[in-house]
Amino acid sequence: GRFTISRDNAKNTVYLQMNSLKPEDTAVYYCNVWRWGTSYWGQGTQ
């Protein structure tokens, strides 16, 4: 109800729109994909 995930396959980009943010949302946020049984992660954004 507060966050919305979306993607643009033409741009190879996935988004996370975060509204009504709360102090408990404080975190490092990571993107993830599984490929051939392996989980891949980005470096994260604070």
All heavy atoms as atom14 arrays in JSON, in Angstrom:
{
  "sequence": "GRFTISRDNAKNTVYLQMNSLKPEDTAVYYCNVWRWGTSYWGQGTQ",
  "atom14_mask": [
    [1, 1, 1, 1, 0, 0, 0, 0, 0, 0, 0, 0, 0, 0],
    [1, 1, 1, 1, 1, 1, 1, 1, 1, 1, 1, 0, 0, 0],
    [1, 1, 1, 1, 1, 1, 1, 1, 1, 1, 1, 0, 0, 0],
    [1, 1, 1, 1, 1, 1, 1, 0, 0, 0, 0, 0, 0, 0],
    [1, 1, 1, 1, 1, 1, 1, 1, 0, 0, 0, 0, 0, 0],
    [1, 1, 1, 1, 1, 1, 0, 0, 0, 0, 0, 0, 0, 0],
    [1, 1, 1, 1, 1, 1, 1, 1, 1, 1, 1, 0, 0, 0],
    [1, 1, 1, 1, 1, 1, 1, 1, 0, 0, 0, 0, 0, 0],
    [1, 1, 1, 1, 1, 1, 1, 1, 0, 0, 0, 0, 0, 0],
    [1, 1, 1, 1, 1, 0, 0, 0, 0, 0, 0, 0, 0, 0],
    [1, 1, 1, 1, 1, 1, 1, 1, 1, 0, 0, 0, 0, 0],
    [1, 1, 1, 1, 1, 1, 1, 1, 0, 0, 0, 0, 0, 0],
    [1, 1, 1, 1, 1, 1, 1, 0, 0, 0, 0, 0, 0, 0],
    [1, 1, 1, 1, 1, 1, 1, 0, 0, 0, 0, 0, 0, 0],
    [1, 1, 1, 1, 1, 1, 1, 1, 1, 1, 1, 1, 0, 0],
    [1, 1, 1, 1, 1, 1, 1, 1, 0, 0, 0, 0, 0, 0],
    [1, 1, 1, 1, 1, 1, 1, 1, 1, 0, 0, 0, 0, 0],
    [1, 1, 1, 1, 1, 1, 1, 1, 0, 0, 0, 0, 0, 0],
    [1, 1, 1, 1, 1, 1, 1, 1, 0, 0, 0, 0, 0, 0],
    [1, 1, 1, 1, 1, 1, 0, 0, 0, 0, 0, 0, 0, 0],
    [1, 1, 1, 1, 1, 1, 1, 1, 0, 0, 0, 0, 0, 0],
    [1, 1, 1, 1, 1, 1, 1, 1, 1, 0, 0, 0, 0, 0],
    [1, 1, 1, 1, 1, 1, 1, 0, 0, 0, 0, 0, 0, 0],
    [1, 1, 1, 1, 1, 1, 1, 1, 1, 0, 0, 0, 0, 0],
    [1, 1, 1, 1, 1, 1, 1, 1, 0, 0, 0, 0, 0, 0],
    [1, 1, 1, 1, 1, 1, 1, 0, 0, 0, 0, 0, 0, 0],
    [1, 1, 1, 1, 1, 0, 0, 0, 0, 0, 0, 0, 0, 0],
    [1, 1, 1, 1, 1, 1, 1, 0, 0, 0, 0, 0, 0, 0],
    [1, 1, 1, 1, 1, 1, 1, 1, 1, 1, 1, 1, 0, 0],
    [1, 1, 1, 1, 1, 1, 1, 1, 1, 1, 1, 1, 0, 0],
    [1, 1, 1, 1, 1, 1, 0, 0, 0, 0, 0, 0, 0, 0],
    [1, 1, 1, 1, 1, 1, 1, 1, 0, 0, 0, 0, 0, 0],
    [1, 1, 1, 1, 1, 1, 1, 0, 0, 0, 0, 0, 0, 0],
    [1, 1, 1, 1, 1, 1, 1, 1, 1, 1, 1, 1, 1, 1],
    [1, 1, 1, 1, 1, 1, 1, 1, 1, 1, 1, 0, 0, 0],
    [1, 1, 1, 1, 1, 1, 1, 1, 1, 1, 1, 1, 1, 1],
    [1, 1, 1, 1, 0, 0, 0, 0, 0, 0, 0, 0, 0, 0],
    [1, 1, 1, 1, 1, 1, 1, 0, 0, 0, 0, 0, 0, 0],
    [1, 1, 1, 1, 1, 1, 0, 0, 0, 0, 0, 0, 0, 0],
    [1, 1, 1, 1, 1, 1, 1, 1, 1, 1, 1, 1, 0, 0],
    [1, 1, 1, 1, 1, 1, 1, 1, 1, 1, 1, 1, 1, 1],
    [1, 1, 1, 1, 0, 0, 0, 0, 0, 0, 0, 0, 0, 0],
    [1, 1, 1, 1, 1, 1, 1, 1, 1, 0, 0, 0, 0, 0],
    [1, 1, 1, 1, 0, 0, 0, 0, 0, 0, 0, 0, 0, 0],
    [1, 1, 1, 1, 1, 1, 1, 0, 0, 0, 0, 0, 0, 0],
    [1, 1, 1, 1, 1, 1, 1, 1, 1, 0, 0, 0, 0, 0]
  ],
  "atom14_positions": [
    [[0.79, -1.22, 0.0], [0.0, 0.0, 0.0], [0.82, 1.27, 0.0], [0.29, 2.36, -0.23], [0.0, 0.0, 0.0], [0.0, 0.0, 0.0], [0.0, 0.0, 0.0], [0.0, 0.0, 0.0], [0.0, 0.0, 0.0], [0.0, 0.0, 0.0], [0.0, 0.0, 0.0], [0.0, 0.0, 0.0], [0.0, 0.0, 0.0], [0.0, 0.0, 0.0]],
    [[2.11, 1.16, 0.26], [3.01, 2.33, 0.29], [4.06, 2.27, -0.81], [4.46, 3.33, -1.33], [3.69, 2.44, 1.65], [2.76, 2.59, 2.81], [3.52, 2.86, 4.12], [4.41, 1.78, 4.49], [5.73, 1.9, 4.64], [6.32, 3.07, 4.46], [6.46, 0.86, 5.0], [0.0, 0.0, 0.0], [0.0, 0.0, 0.0], [0.0, 0.0, 0.0]],
    [[4.53, 1.08, -1.13], [5.58, 0.9, -2.14], [4.98, 0.31, -3.4], [4.03, -0.49, -3.35], [6.67, -0.04, -1.63], [7.53, 0.49, -0.52], [7.22, 1.67, 0.14], [8.68, -0.19, -0.15], [8.02, 2.16, 1.16], [9.49, 0.28, 0.87], [9.15, 1.45, 1.52], [0.0, 0.0, 0.0], [0.0, 0.0, 0.0], [0.0, 0.0, 0.0]],
    [[5.59, 0.67, -4.54], [5.18, 0.1, -5.83], [6.41, -0.3, -6.62], [7.3, 0.53, -6.86], [4.37, 1.12, -6.65], [3.22, 1.53, -5.9], [3.91, 0.5, -7.97], [0.0, 0.0, 0.0], [0.0, 0.0, 0.0], [0.0, 0.0, 0.0], [0.0, 0.0, 0.0], [0.0, 0.0, 0.0], [0.0, 0.0, 0.0], [0.0, 0.0, 0.0]],
    [[6.45, -1.57, -7.02], [7.54, -2.05, -7.88], [7.07, -2.0, -9.32], [5.9, -2.31, -9.62], [7.98, -3.48, -7.47], [9.24, -3.89, -8.21], [6.85, -4.48, -7.64], [9.85, -5.19, -7.69], [0.0, 0.0, 0.0], [0.0, 0.0, 0.0], [0.0, 0.0, 0.0], [0.0, 0.0, 0.0], [0.0, 0.0, 0.0], [0.0, 0.0, 0.0]],
    [[7.96, -1.61, -10.22], [7.63, -1.56, -11.65], [8.91, -1.82, -12.44], [10.0, -1.87, -11.86], [7.02, -0.21, -12.02], [7.95, 0.84, -11.8], [0.0, 0.0, 0.0], [0.0, 0.0, 0.0], [0.0, 0.0, 0.0], [0.0, 0.0, 0.0], [0.0, 0.0, 0.0], [0.0, 0.0, 0.0], [0.0, 0.0, 0.0], [0.0, 0.0, 0.0]],
    [[8.78, -1.99, -13.72], [9.94, -2.26, -14.56], [9.73, -1.69, -15.95], [8.58, -1.53, -16.41], [10.22, -3.76, -14.63], [9.16, -4.57, -15.32], [9.4, -6.07, -15.1], [10.64, -6.52, -15.72], [11.28, -7.64, -15.35], [10.8, -8.39, -14.37], [12.41, -8.0, -15.96], [0.0, 0.0, 0.0], [0.0, 0.0, 0.0], [0.0, 0.0, 0.0]],
    [[10.84, -1.42, -16.6], [10.85, -0.99, -18.0], [11.77, -1.94, -18.74], [13.0, -1.82, -18.65], [11.33, 0.46, -18.11], [11.24, 0.99, -19.52], [11.22, 0.19, -20.48], [11.19, 2.22, -19.68], [0.0, 0.0, 0.0], [0.0, 0.0, 0.0], [0.0, 0.0, 0.0], [0.0, 0.0, 0.0], [0.0, 0.0, 0.0], [0.0, 0.0, 0.0]],
    [[11.2, -2.9, -19.44], [12.03, -3.91, -20.1], [12.83, -3.33, -21.27], [13.83, -3.91, -21.67], [11.16, -5.08, -20.56], [10.78, -5.99, -19.4], [11.31, -5.87, -18.3], [9.85, -6.9, -19.65], [0.0, 0.0, 0.0], [0.0, 0.0, 0.0], [0.0, 0.0, 0.0], [0.0, 0.0, 0.0], [0.0, 0.0, 0.0], [0.0, 0.0, 0.0]],
    [[12.41, -2.21, -21.81], [13.17, -1.56, -22.87], [14.45, -0.92, -22.33], [15.42, -0.74, -23.06], [12.31, -0.52, -23.56], [0.0, 0.0, 0.0], [0.0, 0.0, 0.0], [0.0, 0.0, 0.0], [0.0, 0.0, 0.0], [0.0, 0.0, 0.0], [0.0, 0.0, 0.0], [0.0, 0.0, 0.0], [0.0, 0.0, 0.0], [0.0, 0.0, 0.0]],
    [[14.42, -0.56, -21.06], [15.57, 0.09, -20.43], [16.35, -0.84, -19.5], [17.33, -0.43, -18.88], [15.12, 1.32, -19.64], [14.54, 2.43, -20.5], [14.17, 3.63, -19.65], [13.64, 4.77, -20.52], [13.27, 5.96, -19.7], [0.0, 0.0, 0.0], [0.0, 0.0, 0.0], [0.0, 0.0, 0.0], [0.0, 0.0, 0.0], [0.0, 0.0, 0.0]],
    [[15.89, -2.09, -19.36], [16.54, -3.05, -18.44], [16.62, -2.49, -17.03], [17.67, -2.59, -16.35], [17.93, -3.43, -18.93], [17.9, -4.36, -20.13], [16.83, -4.69, -20.65], [19.06, -4.77, -20.59], [0.0, 0.0, 0.0], [0.0, 0.0, 0.0], [0.0, 0.0, 0.0], [0.0, 0.0, 0.0], [0.0, 0.0, 0.0], [0.0, 0.0, 0.0]],
    [[15.54, -1.9, -16.58], [15.53, -1.23, -15.28], [14.29, -1.64, -14.48], [13.2, -1.71, -15.04], [15.57, 0.29, -15.44], [16.74, 0.65, -16.18], [15.6, 0.99, -14.1], [0.0, 0.0, 0.0], [0.0, 0.0, 0.0], [0.0, 0.0, 0.0], [0.0, 0.0, 0.0], [0.0, 0.0, 0.0], [0.0, 0.0, 0.0], [0.0, 0.0, 0.0]],
    [[14.51, -1.86, -13.19], [13.4, -2.1, -12.27], [13.4, -0.96, -11.24], [14.47, -0.46, -10.85], [13.51, -3.48, -11.61], [14.78, -3.65, -10.83], [12.29, -3.77, -10.74], [0.0, 0.0, 0.0], [0.0, 0.0, 0.0], [0.0, 0.0, 0.0], [0.0, 0.0, 0.0], [0.0, 0.0, 0.0], [0.0, 0.0, 0.0], [0.0, 0.0, 0.0]],
    [[12.22, -0.55, -10.84], [12.06, 0.6, -9.95], [11.34, 0.19, -8.67], [10.6, -0.8, -8.64], [11.23, 1.69, -10.63], [11.78, 2.14, -11.96], [11.26, 1.64, -13.15], [12.8, 3.08, -12.02], [11.75, 2.05, -14.37], [13.3, 3.5, -13.24], [12.78, 2.99, -14.42], [13.28, 3.4, -15.63], [0.0, 0.0, 0.0], [0.0, 0.0, 0.0]],
    [[11.55, 0.99, -7.64], [10.78, 0.85, -6.41], [10.35, 2.25, -5.98], [11.19, 3.04, -5.53], [11.57, 0.16, -5.31], [10.78, -0.16, -4.04], [9.73, -1.24, -4.33], [11.71, -0.62, -2.92], [0.0, 0.0, 0.0], [0.0, 0.0, 0.0], [0.0, 0.0, 0.0], [0.0, 0.0, 0.0], [0.0, 0.0, 0.0], [0.0, 0.0, 0.0]],
    [[9.08, 2.55, -6.17], [8.54, 3.83, -5.71], [8.1, 3.66, -4.26], [7.28, 2.79, -3.96], [7.34, 4.24, -6.57], [6.67, 5.51, -6.14], [7.54, 6.73, -6.29], [8.22, 6.9, -7.3], [7.56, 7.61, -5.28], [0.0, 0.0, 0.0], [0.0, 0.0, 0.0], [0.0, 0.0, 0.0], [0.0, 0.0, 0.0], [0.0, 0.0, 0.0]],
    [[8.64, 4.48, -3.4], [8.39, 4.38, -1.96], [7.71, 5.65, -1.48], [8.3, 6.74, -1.57], [9.69, 4.14, -1.21], [10.49, 2.95, -1.73], [11.94, 2.57, -0.73], [12.89, 4.05, -1.0], [0.0, 0.0, 0.0], [0.0, 0.0, 0.0], [0.0, 0.0, 0.0], [0.0, 0.0, 0.0], [0.0, 0.0, 0.0], [0.0, 0.0, 0.0]],
    [[6.49, 5.52, -1.01], [5.73, 6.66, -0.49], [5.45, 6.48, 0.98], [5.57, 5.36, 1.52], [4.41, 6.8, -1.26], [4.61, 7.05, -2.75], [5.59, 7.68, -3.15], [3.69, 6.58, -3.55], [0.0, 0.0, 0.0], [0.0, 0.0, 0.0], [0.0, 0.0, 0.0], [0.0, 0.0, 0.0], [0.0, 0.0, 0.0], [0.0, 0.0, 0.0]],
    [[5.06, 7.54, 1.63], [4.72, 7.5, 3.06], [5.8, 6.79, 3.87], [5.52, 5.91, 4.68], [3.36, 6.8, 3.26], [2.35, 7.46, 2.53], [0.0, 0.0, 0.0], [0.0, 0.0, 0.0], [0.0, 0.0, 0.0], [0.0, 0.0, 0.0], [0.0, 0.0, 0.0], [0.0, 0.0, 0.0], [0.0, 0.0, 0.0], [0.0, 0.0, 0.0]],
    [[7.02, 7.19, 3.63], [8.16, 6.51, 4.27], [8.14, 6.7, 5.78], [7.75, 7.76, 6.29], [9.47, 7.02, 3.68], [9.79, 6.42, 2.3], [10.82, 7.27, 1.57], [10.28, 4.98, 2.46], [0.0, 0.0, 0.0], [0.0, 0.0, 0.0], [0.0, 0.0, 0.0], [0.0, 0.0, 0.0], [0.0, 0.0, 0.0], [0.0, 0.0, 0.0]],
    [[8.58, 5.64, 6.46], [8.62, 5.61, 7.91], [10.07, 5.39, 8.38], [10.87, 4.82, 7.63], [7.76, 4.46, 8.44], [6.32, 4.48, 7.96], [5.59, 3.24, 8.44], [4.15, 3.21, 7.96], [3.43, 1.99, 8.43], [0.0, 0.0, 0.0], [0.0, 0.0, 0.0], [0.0, 0.0, 0.0], [0.0, 0.0, 0.0], [0.0, 0.0, 0.0]],
    [[10.39, 5.78, 9.6], [11.75, 5.53, 10.08], [12.14, 4.05, 10.0], [13.32, 3.74, 9.74], [11.68, 6.01, 11.53], [10.66, 7.09, 11.51], [9.61, 6.61, 10.54], [0.0, 0.0, 0.0], [0.0, 0.0, 0.0], [0.0, 0.0, 0.0], [0.0, 0.0, 0.0], [0.0, 0.0, 0.0], [0.0, 0.0, 0.0], [0.0, 0.0, 0.0]],
    [[11.18, 3.16, 10.16], [11.49, 1.72, 10.09], [11.78, 1.24, 8.68], [12.15, 0.09, 8.49], [10.38, 0.88, 10.71], [8.99, 1.2, 10.2], [8.24, 2.17, 11.11], [8.86, 3.16, 11.58], [7.03, 1.93, 11.35], [0.0, 0.0, 0.0], [0.0, 0.0, 0.0], [0.0, 0.0, 0.0], [0.0, 0.0, 0.0], [0.0, 0.0, 0.0]],
    [[11.63, 2.1, 7.68], [12.03, 1.76, 6.31], [13.52, 2.01, 6.09], [14.04, 1.67, 5.01], [11.23, 2.58, 5.3], [9.75, 2.24, 5.31], [9.41, 1.05, 5.4], [8.93, 3.18, 5.21], [0.0, 0.0, 0.0], [0.0, 0.0, 0.0], [0.0, 0.0, 0.0], [0.0, 0.0, 0.0], [0.0, 0.0, 0.0], [0.0, 0.0, 0.0]],
    [[14.18, 2.59, 7.07], [15.62, 2.83, 6.95], [16.36, 1.51, 6.77], [16.21, 0.59, 7.57], [16.14, 3.55, 8.21], [15.55, 4.85, 8.27], [17.65, 3.68, 8.17], [0.0, 0.0, 0.0], [0.0, 0.0, 0.0], [0.0, 0.0, 0.0], [0.0, 0.0, 0.0], [0.0, 0.0, 0.0], [0.0, 0.0, 0.0], [0.0, 0.0, 0.0]],
    [[17.13, 1.43, 5.68], [17.81, 0.19, 5.34], [18.67, 0.41, 4.1], [18.53, 1.42, 3.42], [16.8, -0.93, 5.08], [0.0, 0.0, 0.0], [0.0, 0.0, 0.0], [0.0, 0.0, 0.0], [0.0, 0.0, 0.0], [0.0, 0.0, 0.0], [0.0, 0.0, 0.0], [0.0, 0.0, 0.0], [0.0, 0.0, 0.0], [0.0, 0.0, 0.0]],
    [[19.5, -0.58, 3.83], [20.14, -0.66, 2.51], [19.23, -1.5, 1.64], [18.84, -2.6, 2.03], [21.54, -1.27, 2.59], [22.16, -1.37, 1.21], [22.43, -0.45, 3.52], [0.0, 0.0, 0.0], [0.0, 0.0, 0.0], [0.0, 0.0, 0.0], [0.0, 0.0, 0.0], [0.0, 0.0, 0.0], [0.0, 0.0, 0.0], [0.0, 0.0, 0.0]],
    [[18.89, -0.97, 0.47], [17.99, -1.65, -0.45], [18.78, -2.28, -1.59], [19.66, -1.63, -2.19], [16.96, -0.66, -0.99], [15.89, -0.33, 0.03], [16.18, 0.47, 1.12], [14.6, -0.85, -0.09], [15.21, 0.76, 2.08], [13.62, -0.57, 0.85], [13.94, 0.23, 1.93], [12.98, 0.5, 2.87], [0.0, 0.0, 0.0], [0.0, 0.0, 0.0]],
    [[18.45, -3.54, -1.87], [19.18, -4.32, -2.86], [18.24, -4.83, -3.95], [17.12, -5.26, -3.67], [19.83, -5.54, -2.22], [20.84, -5.24, -1.15], [20.45, -5.13, 0.19], [22.19, -5.09, -1.46], [21.38, -4.86, 1.17], [23.13, -4.83, -0.48], [22.72, -4.72, 0.83], [23.64, -4.46, 1.82], [0.0, 0.0, 0.0], [0.0, 0.0, 0.0]],
    [[18.77, -4.87, -5.14], [18.1, -5.48, -6.28], [18.58, -6.92, -6.4], [19.74, -7.22, -6.09], [18.5, -4.67, -7.53], [17.68, -5.1, -9.02], [0.0, 0.0, 0.0], [0.0, 0.0, 0.0], [0.0, 0.0, 0.0], [0.0, 0.0, 0.0], [0.0, 0.0, 0.0], [0.0, 0.0, 0.0], [0.0, 0.0, 0.0], [0.0, 0.0, 0.0]],
    [[17.7, -7.82, -6.84], [18.05, -9.23, -6.9], [17.44, -9.91, -8.11], [16.3, -9.62, -8.51], [17.56, -9.93, -5.64], [17.73, -11.44, -5.69], [16.81, -12.16, -6.03], [18.92, -11.89, -5.36], [0.0, 0.0, 0.0], [0.0, 0.0, 0.0], [0.0, 0.0, 0.0], [0.0, 0.0, 0.0], [0.0, 0.0, 0.0], [0.0, 0.0, 0.0]],
    [[18.22, -10.84, -8.68], [17.71, -11.7, -9.75], [18.33, -13.08, -9.61], [19.47, -13.21, -9.16], [18.03, -11.1, -11.14], [19.53, -11.08, -11.4], [17.3, -11.86, -12.24], [0.0, 0.0, 0.0], [0.0, 0.0, 0.0], [0.0, 0.0, 0.0], [0.0, 0.0, 0.0], [0.0, 0.0, 0.0], [0.0, 0.0, 0.0], [0.0, 0.0, 0.0]],
    [[17.54, -14.1, -9.95], [18.05, -15.48, -9.99], [18.28, -15.84, -11.44], [17.43, -15.6, -12.32], [17.02, -16.44, -9.4], [17.03, -16.47, -7.92], [16.36, -15.64, -7.07], [17.75, -17.37, -7.08], [16.61, -15.97, -5.77], [17.46, -17.03, -5.73], [18.61, -18.45, -7.32], [18.01, -17.72, -4.65], [19.16, -19.13, -6.24], [18.85, -18.76, -4.93]],
    [[19.44, -16.43, -11.7], [19.76, -16.87, -13.04], [20.55, -18.17, -12.94], [21.58, -18.23, -12.29], [20.57, -15.81, -13.78], [20.91, -16.16, -15.21], [21.59, -14.98, -15.91], [21.92, -15.26, -17.3], [23.11, -15.67, -17.69], [24.09, -15.86, -16.82], [23.34, -15.91, -18.98], [0.0, 0.0, 0.0], [0.0, 0.0, 0.0], [0.0, 0.0, 0.0]],
    [[20.05, -19.21, -13.59], [20.7, -20.52, -13.6], [21.04, -20.99, -12.18], [22.14, -21.47, -11.94], [21.96, -20.48, -14.46], [21.69, -20.26, -15.91], [22.0, -19.15, -16.63], [21.01, -21.14, -16.82], [21.58, -19.3, -17.93], [20.96, -20.5, -18.08], [20.43, -22.41, -16.69], [20.36, -21.09, -19.2], [19.85, -23.0, -17.82], [19.8, -22.34, -19.05]],
    [[20.1, -20.81, -11.26], [20.28, -21.31, -9.91], [21.17, -20.46, -9.02], [21.46, -20.84, -7.88], [0.0, 0.0, 0.0], [0.0, 0.0, 0.0], [0.0, 0.0, 0.0], [0.0, 0.0, 0.0], [0.0, 0.0, 0.0], [0.0, 0.0, 0.0], [0.0, 0.0, 0.0], [0.0, 0.0, 0.0], [0.0, 0.0, 0.0], [0.0, 0.0, 0.0]],
    [[21.61, -19.33, -9.52], [22.48, -18.44, -8.75], [21.76, -17.13, -8.49], [21.13, -16.57, -9.39], [23.79, -18.17, -9.51], [24.46, -19.41, -9.72], [24.68, -17.22, -8.72], [0.0, 0.0, 0.0], [0.0, 0.0, 0.0], [0.0, 0.0, 0.0], [0.0, 0.0, 0.0], [0.0, 0.0, 0.0], [0.0, 0.0, 0.0], [0.0, 0.0, 0.0]],
    [[21.88, -16.65, -7.25], [21.26, -15.39, -6.88], [22.28, -14.26, -7.03], [23.4, -14.36, -6.51], [20.79, -15.47, -5.43], [20.13, -14.28, -5.05], [0.0, 0.0, 0.0], [0.0, 0.0, 0.0], [0.0, 0.0, 0.0], [0.0, 0.0, 0.0], [0.0, 0.0, 0.0], [0.0, 0.0, 0.0], [0.0, 0.0, 0.0], [0.0, 0.0, 0.0]],
    [[21.88, -13.22, -7.73], [22.77, -12.08, -7.95], [22.23, -10.84, -7.23], [21.02, -10.62, -7.2], [22.9, -11.78, -9.45], [23.63, -12.85, -10.21], [22.92, -13.92, -10.78], [25.01, -12.82, -10.37], [23.58, -14.91, -11.49], [25.67, -13.81, -11.07], [24.95, -14.85, -11.62], [25.61, -15.84, -12.31], [0.0, 0.0, 0.0], [0.0, 0.0, 0.0]],
    [[23.18, -10.07, -6.71], [22.83, -8.88, -5.93], [23.59, -7.66, -6.44], [24.72, -7.79, -6.9], [23.18, -9.09, -4.46], [22.5, -10.26, -3.83], [22.96, -11.53, -3.78], [21.23, -10.26, -3.18], [22.06, -12.34, -3.12], [20.98, -11.56, -2.75], [20.27, -9.28, -2.93], [19.81, -11.93, -2.07], [19.12, -9.63, -2.25], [18.89, -10.95, -1.83]],
    [[22.97, -6.51, -6.29], [23.69, -5.27, -6.51], [24.43, -4.88, -5.25], [24.43, -5.6, -4.24], [0.0, 0.0, 0.0], [0.0, 0.0, 0.0], [0.0, 0.0, 0.0], [0.0, 0.0, 0.0], [0.0, 0.0, 0.0], [0.0, 0.0, 0.0], [0.0, 0.0, 0.0], [0.0, 0.0, 0.0], [0.0, 0.0, 0.0], [0.0, 0.0, 0.0]],
    [[25.05, -3.69, -5.29], [25.84, -3.23, -4.14], [24.96, -2.57, -3.08], [25.41, -2.36, -1.95], [26.91, -2.23, -4.62], [26.43, -0.79, -4.8], [25.51, -0.6, -6.01], [25.4, -1.47, -6.86], [24.85, 0.55, -6.07], [0.0, 0.0, 0.0], [0.0, 0.0, 0.0], [0.0, 0.0, 0.0], [0.0, 0.0, 0.0], [0.0, 0.0, 0.0]],
    [[23.73, -2.26, -3.45], [22.79, -1.66, -2.51], [22.81, -0.14, -2.55], [23.79, 0.48, -2.98], [0.0, 0.0, 0.0], [0.0, 0.0, 0.0], [0.0, 0.0, 0.0], [0.0, 0.0, 0.0], [0.0, 0.0, 0.0], [0.0, 0.0, 0.0], [0.0, 0.0, 0.0], [0.0, 0.0, 0.0], [0.0, 0.0, 0.0], [0.0, 0.0, 0.0]],
    [[21.71, 0.44, -2.1], [21.6, 1.89, -1.99], [20.95, 2.22, -0.64], [19.97, 1.59, -0.25], [20.81, 2.49, -3.17], [20.85, 3.92, -3.11], [19.36, 2.02, -3.21], [0.0, 0.0, 0.0], [0.0, 0.0, 0.0], [0.0, 0.0, 0.0], [0.0, 0.0, 0.0], [0.0, 0.0, 0.0], [0.0, 0.0, 0.0], [0.0, 0.0, 0.0]],
    [[21.52, 3.19, 0.06], [21.08, 3.49, 1.43], [19.88, 4.41, 1.42], [19.9, 5.48, 0.79], [22.22, 4.15, 2.2], [21.85, 4.61, 3.61], [21.63, 3.46, 4.56], [22.46, 2.55, 4.64], [20.52, 3.49, 5.3], [0.0, 0.0, 0.0], [0.0, 0.0, 0.0], [0.0, 0.0, 0.0], [0.0, 0.0, 0.0], [0.0, 0.0, 0.0]]
  ]
}
